[in-house]
Protein backbone atom coordinates (compact mmCIF):
# COMPACT_ATOMS: atom_id res chain seq x y z
CA MET A 1 -14.63 -0.57 -20.78
CA ARG A 2 -10.99 -1.11 -20.08
CA SER A 3 -10.20 -3.58 -17.65
CA VAL A 4 -7.13 -3.10 -15.09
CA ILE A 5 -5.86 -4.69 -11.92
CA LEU A 6 -5.28 -2.79 -8.77
CA LEU A 7 -3.02 -3.41 -5.72
CA ALA A 8 -5.34 -2.91 -2.97
CA SER A 9 -4.29 -2.81 0.82
CA GLY A 10 -6.97 -0.57 2.46
CA GLY A 11 -4.48 1.81 3.05
CA LEU A 12 -4.22 5.68 2.01
CA ASP A 13 -2.71 5.64 -1.17
CA SER A 14 -4.23 2.47 -2.89
CA THR A 15 -7.49 3.69 -1.95
CA THR A 16 -7.06 7.14 -3.31
CA VAL A 17 -5.92 5.33 -6.77
CA ALA A 18 -9.15 3.41 -6.17
CA TYR A 19 -11.53 6.42 -6.08
CA SER A 20 -9.64 7.96 -9.20
CA LEU A 21 -10.09 5.03 -11.60
CA GLU A 22 -13.70 6.09 -12.61
CA GLY A 23 -15.01 4.71 -16.01
CA LEU A 24 -12.61 1.66 -15.76
CA ASP A 25 -13.30 -1.85 -14.72
CA VAL A 26 -11.18 -2.40 -11.94
CA PHE A 27 -9.99 -5.78 -10.37
CA PRO A 28 -8.74 -5.33 -6.81
CA VAL A 29 -6.08 -7.71 -5.68
CA PHE A 30 -5.04 -7.94 -2.08
CA PHE A 31 -1.87 -10.08 -0.96
CA ASP A 32 -1.63 -11.59 2.44
CA TYR A 33 2.15 -11.78 2.84
CA GLY A 34 1.87 -12.87 6.57
CA GLN A 35 1.60 -9.18 7.81
CA HIS A 36 0.53 -9.23 11.54
CA CYS A 37 -2.33 -6.76 10.35
CA VAL A 38 -3.68 -8.86 7.45
CA GLU A 39 -7.16 -9.28 9.01
CA MET A 40 -7.56 -5.61 9.63
CA GLU A 41 -6.01 -4.74 6.32
CA TRP A 42 -8.54 -7.23 4.39
CA ASN A 43 -11.60 -5.92 6.64
CA ARG A 44 -10.66 -2.25 5.45
CA VAL A 45 -9.82 -3.06 1.90
CA ASN A 46 -13.50 -4.64 1.41
CA GLU A 47 -14.97 -1.41 3.35
CA VAL A 48 -13.22 1.50 1.80
CA LEU A 49 -12.93 0.55 -1.84
CA PRO A 50 -15.70 2.51 -3.94
CA ALA A 51 -18.93 0.34 -3.92
CA ARG A 52 -19.10 0.58 -7.75
CA MET A 53 -16.05 -1.67 -7.75
CA ARG A 54 -15.47 -5.22 -7.80
CA ARG A 55 -14.87 -7.00 -4.71
CA PRO A 56 -11.16 -7.86 -3.89
CA GLU A 57 -9.56 -10.91 -4.73
CA ARG A 58 -7.27 -12.32 -1.84
CA PHE A 59 -3.82 -14.35 -2.29
CA ASP A 60 -1.91 -15.80 0.31
CA ILE A 61 1.68 -15.68 -0.54
CA SER A 62 2.58 -15.71 3.29
CA ASP A 63 4.45 -18.79 3.14
CA ILE A 64 7.48 -17.22 1.63
CA PHE A 65 7.93 -14.97 4.76
CA ARG A 66 7.62 -17.60 7.01
CA GLY A 67 9.91 -17.58 9.96
CA SER A 68 10.94 -13.40 9.05
CA SER A 69 12.07 -11.25 11.94
CA SER A 70 10.48 -8.03 10.43
CA ARG A 71 7.96 -6.62 12.59
CA LEU A 72 5.44 -6.15 9.90
CA ILE A 73 5.52 -9.94 10.23
CA LYS A 74 5.88 -10.61 13.83
CA GLU A 75 4.27 -8.03 15.73
CA ALA A 76 6.17 -6.22 18.59
CA ASP A 77 4.74 -5.66 22.00
CA LEU A 78 4.87 -1.87 21.82
CA TRP A 79 4.58 -1.86 25.68
CA HIS A 80 7.98 -3.77 25.71
CA ASP A 81 9.89 -3.83 22.51
CA LYS A 82 11.66 -0.91 20.71
CA VAL A 83 10.82 -1.11 16.99
CA ALA A 84 13.31 0.55 14.66
CA ASP A 85 13.09 1.05 11.27
CA ASP A 86 15.35 -1.34 10.03
CA ASP A 87 12.91 -3.90 11.94
CA LEU A 88 9.97 -3.07 9.38
CA TYR A 89 11.67 -4.07 6.39
CA VAL A 90 10.33 -7.07 4.35
CA PRO A 91 12.85 -8.05 1.82
CA TYR A 92 11.74 -8.25 -1.99
CA ARG A 93 8.23 -7.55 -1.04
CA THR A 94 7.64 -4.84 -3.83
CA MET A 95 9.13 -6.92 -6.50
CA LEU A 96 7.15 -9.94 -5.39
CA PHE A 97 4.00 -8.15 -5.61
CA PHE A 98 5.08 -6.71 -9.18
CA ALA A 99 5.92 -10.11 -10.29
CA ALA A 100 2.72 -11.70 -9.10
CA ALA A 101 0.45 -9.18 -9.89
CA ALA A 102 1.84 -9.20 -13.57
CA ALA A 103 1.46 -12.79 -13.58
CA ARG A 104 -2.34 -12.50 -12.47
CA ALA A 105 -3.04 -9.97 -14.90
CA GLN A 106 -1.61 -11.86 -17.85
CA THR A 107 -3.53 -14.61 -16.85
CA MET A 108 -6.69 -12.62 -16.69
CA GLY A 109 -5.98 -10.87 -19.80
CA VAL A 110 -5.45 -7.50 -18.38
CA LEU A 111 -2.78 -5.70 -19.40
CA GLU A 112 -2.30 -2.67 -16.96
CA VAL A 113 -1.59 -2.83 -13.30
CA TYR A 114 -2.25 0.25 -11.09
CA THR A 115 -0.42 0.72 -7.61
CA GLY A 116 -0.62 3.45 -4.93
CA PHE A 117 3.43 2.99 -4.17
CA ILE A 118 4.74 6.57 -3.38
CA ASN A 119 8.01 7.96 -3.51
CA SER A 120 9.10 6.84 0.09
CA ASN A 121 12.38 5.65 1.78
CA HIS A 122 11.07 5.66 5.21
CA ALA A 123 11.70 2.19 7.35
CA LYS A 124 14.94 1.64 4.90
CA GLU A 125 11.75 0.56 2.30
CA ILE A 126 14.60 0.72 -0.56
CA ASP A 127 12.24 -1.07 -2.77
CA CYS A 128 9.46 1.66 -2.36
CA THR A 129 11.34 4.42 -4.23
CA ALA A 130 10.48 6.09 -7.37
CA GLU A 131 14.05 4.93 -8.74
CA PHE A 132 13.37 1.12 -7.90
CA MET A 133 9.80 1.30 -9.45
CA ASN A 134 11.30 2.80 -12.56
CA LYS A 135 13.72 0.26 -13.12
CA LEU A 136 11.45 -2.49 -11.98
CA GLU A 137 8.95 -1.59 -14.55
CA GLY A 138 11.80 -1.25 -17.24
CA LEU A 139 12.44 -4.82 -16.51
CA VAL A 140 8.64 -5.73 -16.87
CA GLU A 141 8.74 -3.87 -20.13
CA LYS A 142 10.93 -6.42 -21.82
CA ILE A 143 9.66 -9.60 -20.67
CA GLY A 144 5.99 -9.16 -21.16
CA PRO A 145 2.71 -7.04 -22.30
CA VAL A 146 1.69 -6.10 -18.66
CA ARG A 147 2.35 -2.43 -17.80
CA PHE A 148 2.29 -0.80 -14.33
CA THR A 149 1.06 2.68 -13.69
CA SER A 150 2.06 4.28 -10.10
CA PRO A 151 0.11 7.82 -10.13
CA PHE A 152 1.90 8.79 -6.90
CA ARG A 153 5.25 7.65 -7.30
CA TYR A 154 6.58 11.35 -7.37
CA SER A 155 3.98 12.44 -4.79
CA SER A 156 4.56 13.20 -1.11
CA LYS A 157 1.93 11.77 1.56
CA ALA A 158 0.61 15.34 1.67
CA GLU A 159 -0.33 15.39 -1.97
CA VAL A 160 -1.89 12.05 -1.52
CA ALA A 161 -4.07 13.27 1.28
CA GLN A 162 -5.17 16.50 -0.82
CA THR A 163 -6.31 14.31 -3.70
CA ALA A 164 -7.96 12.16 -1.40
CA ILE A 165 -10.10 14.92 0.03
CA ARG A 166 -10.75 15.99 -3.33
CA LEU A 167 -12.06 12.32 -4.33
CA GLY A 168 -14.11 11.91 -1.17
CA VAL A 169 -11.85 9.16 -0.17
CA PRO A 170 -13.15 7.63 3.45
CA ILE A 171 -9.62 8.54 4.73
CA GLY A 172 -10.56 7.72 8.36
CA ARG A 173 -11.40 4.25 7.65
CA THR A 174 -8.25 3.55 5.82
CA TYR A 175 -5.37 1.69 7.90
CA SER A 176 -1.67 1.56 7.32
CA CYS A 177 -0.03 1.31 10.65
CA GLN A 178 3.47 -0.76 10.36
CA ALA A 179 3.78 -1.78 14.11
CA ALA A 180 0.10 -2.31 15.41
CA SER A 181 -2.44 -4.83 14.01
CA ILE A 182 -5.69 -3.52 15.79
CA PHE A 183 -5.08 0.08 16.61
CA PRO A 184 -2.85 2.67 14.73
CA CYS A 185 0.13 3.19 16.94
CA GLY A 186 1.02 6.75 15.93
CA ALA A 187 4.66 6.47 16.15
CA CYS A 188 5.78 3.87 13.31
CA PRO A 189 7.27 5.48 9.86
CA ASN A 190 3.77 5.26 8.49
CA CYS A 191 1.75 6.65 11.05
CA VAL A 192 3.99 9.65 11.53
CA GLU A 193 4.05 10.25 7.79
CA ARG A 194 0.28 9.86 7.45
CA LEU A 195 -0.25 12.57 10.86
CA HIS A 196 1.86 15.05 9.21
CA ALA A 197 -0.10 14.63 5.65
CA LEU A 198 -3.16 15.17 7.47
CA GLU A 199 -2.05 17.84 9.36
CA SER A 200 -0.88 19.53 6.31
CA ALA A 201 -4.23 19.03 4.67
CA GLY A 202 -6.10 20.43 7.69
CA LEU A 203 -7.45 17.05 9.02
CA ALA A 204 -5.27 16.41 12.11
CA TYR A 205 -4.10 17.87 15.25
CA PRO A 206 -0.41 19.37 15.09
CA THR A 207 2.29 16.60 15.33
CA ALA A 208 5.12 18.44 16.41
CA LYS A 209 5.48 16.20 19.58
CA VAL A 210 5.46 13.04 17.25
CA GLU A 211 9.16 11.70 16.54
C-alpha cells in the first residue's frame, strides 16, 4: 500500500482530500502555527478524518509567528474590532508548511504529500494561489524526491463542496473560520466563501446579505 502524507487542518478542503484517498496509507499532519483557533481545529481534525485513517500527528511551529499582528494569530474582539482582509495574512505560512511537510515526508521515507489548497486569493493570501503553488512545487522538485499533490488547486470552493457531498464528508463538522476560535463568524473571507459554496451545492440558506 502506498504511503502519503496529508496536510490536515479540519477544514472542508483538506477533509475532502482525506476522503478521496481511499486505498492509501495516509499519515495526516497538523500544524500549530499559533492560530487562535488551534484547539478547535485540532479537535475537529481528529473528529472529521475517516475512521480508517491513521490519527493525525501534531507539530508546534508557533514560535515562528510569535508577536504576529495577523488576526489569524491574534484573535479580534468581533464586537468592537474591525477586521480587514489584509489583517488575516500570515507571511510565508504556505511556504513553511510545504518545507516542513517535505522534510517530515522524506524523514519518514514517504515521497508524496497531499494538500487541500485551492486556487484562492481572498484575504490577500498570495501564497494560496495556483500560480504560487506551481512555482513552489517546481522549486521542491529540484531539491528533493518529495512531490506535492493538490487536487483542488484549480477548483472553486463550490466544486470542493460538491465533491465533499459525493464522498460523504461530514461537512457540518469541518471548521475553517479565520476570525473566531469557537463559532464560525459568518463574515470572514473563509466563512463567506464557504457559505456561498454550500448554497451553490444546495446545503445552505441564501447568502445575499453576506458581504
